[in-house]
Protein backbone atom coordinates (compact mmCIF):
# COMPACT_ATOMS: atom_id res chain seq x y z
CA MET A 1 125.06 102.08 111.01
CA ALA A 2 126.73 105.62 110.47
CA THR A 3 128.37 106.41 106.95
CA SER A 4 129.68 109.32 105.79
CA LEU A 5 129.10 110.66 102.46
CA LYS A 6 131.50 113.24 101.14
CA ILE A 7 129.61 115.23 98.29
CA ASP A 8 131.43 118.87 96.34
CA ASP A 9 130.17 122.11 97.35
CA GLU A 10 127.92 122.53 94.36
CA MET A 11 126.06 119.35 95.52
CA LYS A 12 126.46 120.41 99.57
CA GLY A 13 124.66 124.37 98.31
CA ARG A 14 122.06 122.72 96.38
CA ILE A 15 121.44 120.40 98.89
CA GLN A 16 120.90 122.44 101.61
CA ALA A 17 118.67 125.22 99.09
CA LEU A 18 116.12 122.47 98.66
CA ALA A 19 116.18 121.41 102.25
CA GLN A 20 115.02 125.19 103.30
CA GLN A 21 112.12 125.40 100.37
CA ARG A 22 110.88 121.66 101.52
CA ASP A 23 111.13 123.20 105.12
CA ARG A 24 113.71 119.84 105.89
CA SER A 25 116.86 119.35 106.85
CA PRO A 26 119.79 118.09 104.33
CA HIS A 27 120.02 114.88 106.07
CA TRP A 28 116.47 114.10 105.37
CA ILE A 29 116.82 115.32 101.66
CA MET A 30 119.89 112.90 101.16
CA ARG A 31 118.36 109.87 103.36
CA GLU A 32 114.87 110.47 100.85
CA ALA A 33 116.94 110.25 97.28
CA ILE A 34 118.60 107.78 98.22
CA ARG A 35 115.82 105.71 99.80
CA GLN A 36 114.04 106.53 95.93
CA TYR A 37 116.96 105.35 94.30
CA VAL A 38 117.61 102.10 95.70
CA ASP A 39 113.67 101.64 95.58
CA ARG A 40 113.68 102.31 91.67
CA GLU A 41 117.13 100.04 91.20
CA GLU A 42 115.40 97.25 93.19
CA ALA A 43 112.29 97.43 90.95
CA ARG A 44 114.05 97.66 88.17
CA GLU A 45 116.28 94.45 88.84
CA GLY A 46 113.17 93.00 89.60
CA PHE A 47 111.57 93.32 85.82
CA ARG A 48 115.14 92.58 84.58
CA ARG A 49 114.78 89.13 86.34
CA GLU A 50 111.48 88.90 85.28
CA ALA A 51 112.46 89.31 81.77
CA LEU A 52 115.28 86.79 81.89
CA ASP A 53 112.96 84.29 83.52
CA ALA A 54 110.05 84.70 80.71
CA TRP A 55 112.92 84.51 78.23
CA THR A 56 114.24 81.25 79.58
CA ALA A 57 110.80 79.60 80.00
CA TYR A 58 110.16 80.95 76.21
CA CYS A 59 113.31 79.02 75.06
CA GLU A 60 112.71 75.86 77.28
CA THR A 61 108.84 75.49 76.03
CA GLY A 62 108.62 77.74 72.93
CA ARG A 63 105.03 78.98 74.07
CA HIS A 64 104.24 82.50 73.72
CA LEU A 65 100.93 84.72 72.90
CA THR A 66 101.47 87.05 69.73
CA ALA A 67 100.53 90.74 70.59
CA ASP A 68 96.85 90.14 68.60
CA GLU A 69 96.09 87.07 71.30
CA THR A 70 97.35 89.41 74.25
CA VAL A 71 94.87 92.13 73.41
CA ALA A 72 91.98 89.94 72.63
CA TRP A 73 92.82 88.38 76.02
CA LEU A 74 92.77 91.70 78.00
CA GLU A 75 89.87 92.74 76.04
CA GLY A 76 87.75 89.45 76.82
């Protein structure tokens, strides 16, 4: 899938400078930046979903652990 990306001249220059420093192509730098961003945002969304699921479970059951109980369990 071919996609074009419009960036301002300042950012273009920064990418080109970084690419030269890293001995990579500007294309590689942009792809890597996008990959890292998507990975990070997917993980963040997963954590958010887990937190909402945990909150829903707590609201439905009332079951929970105190901080002291959690520490004791982790140390046990």
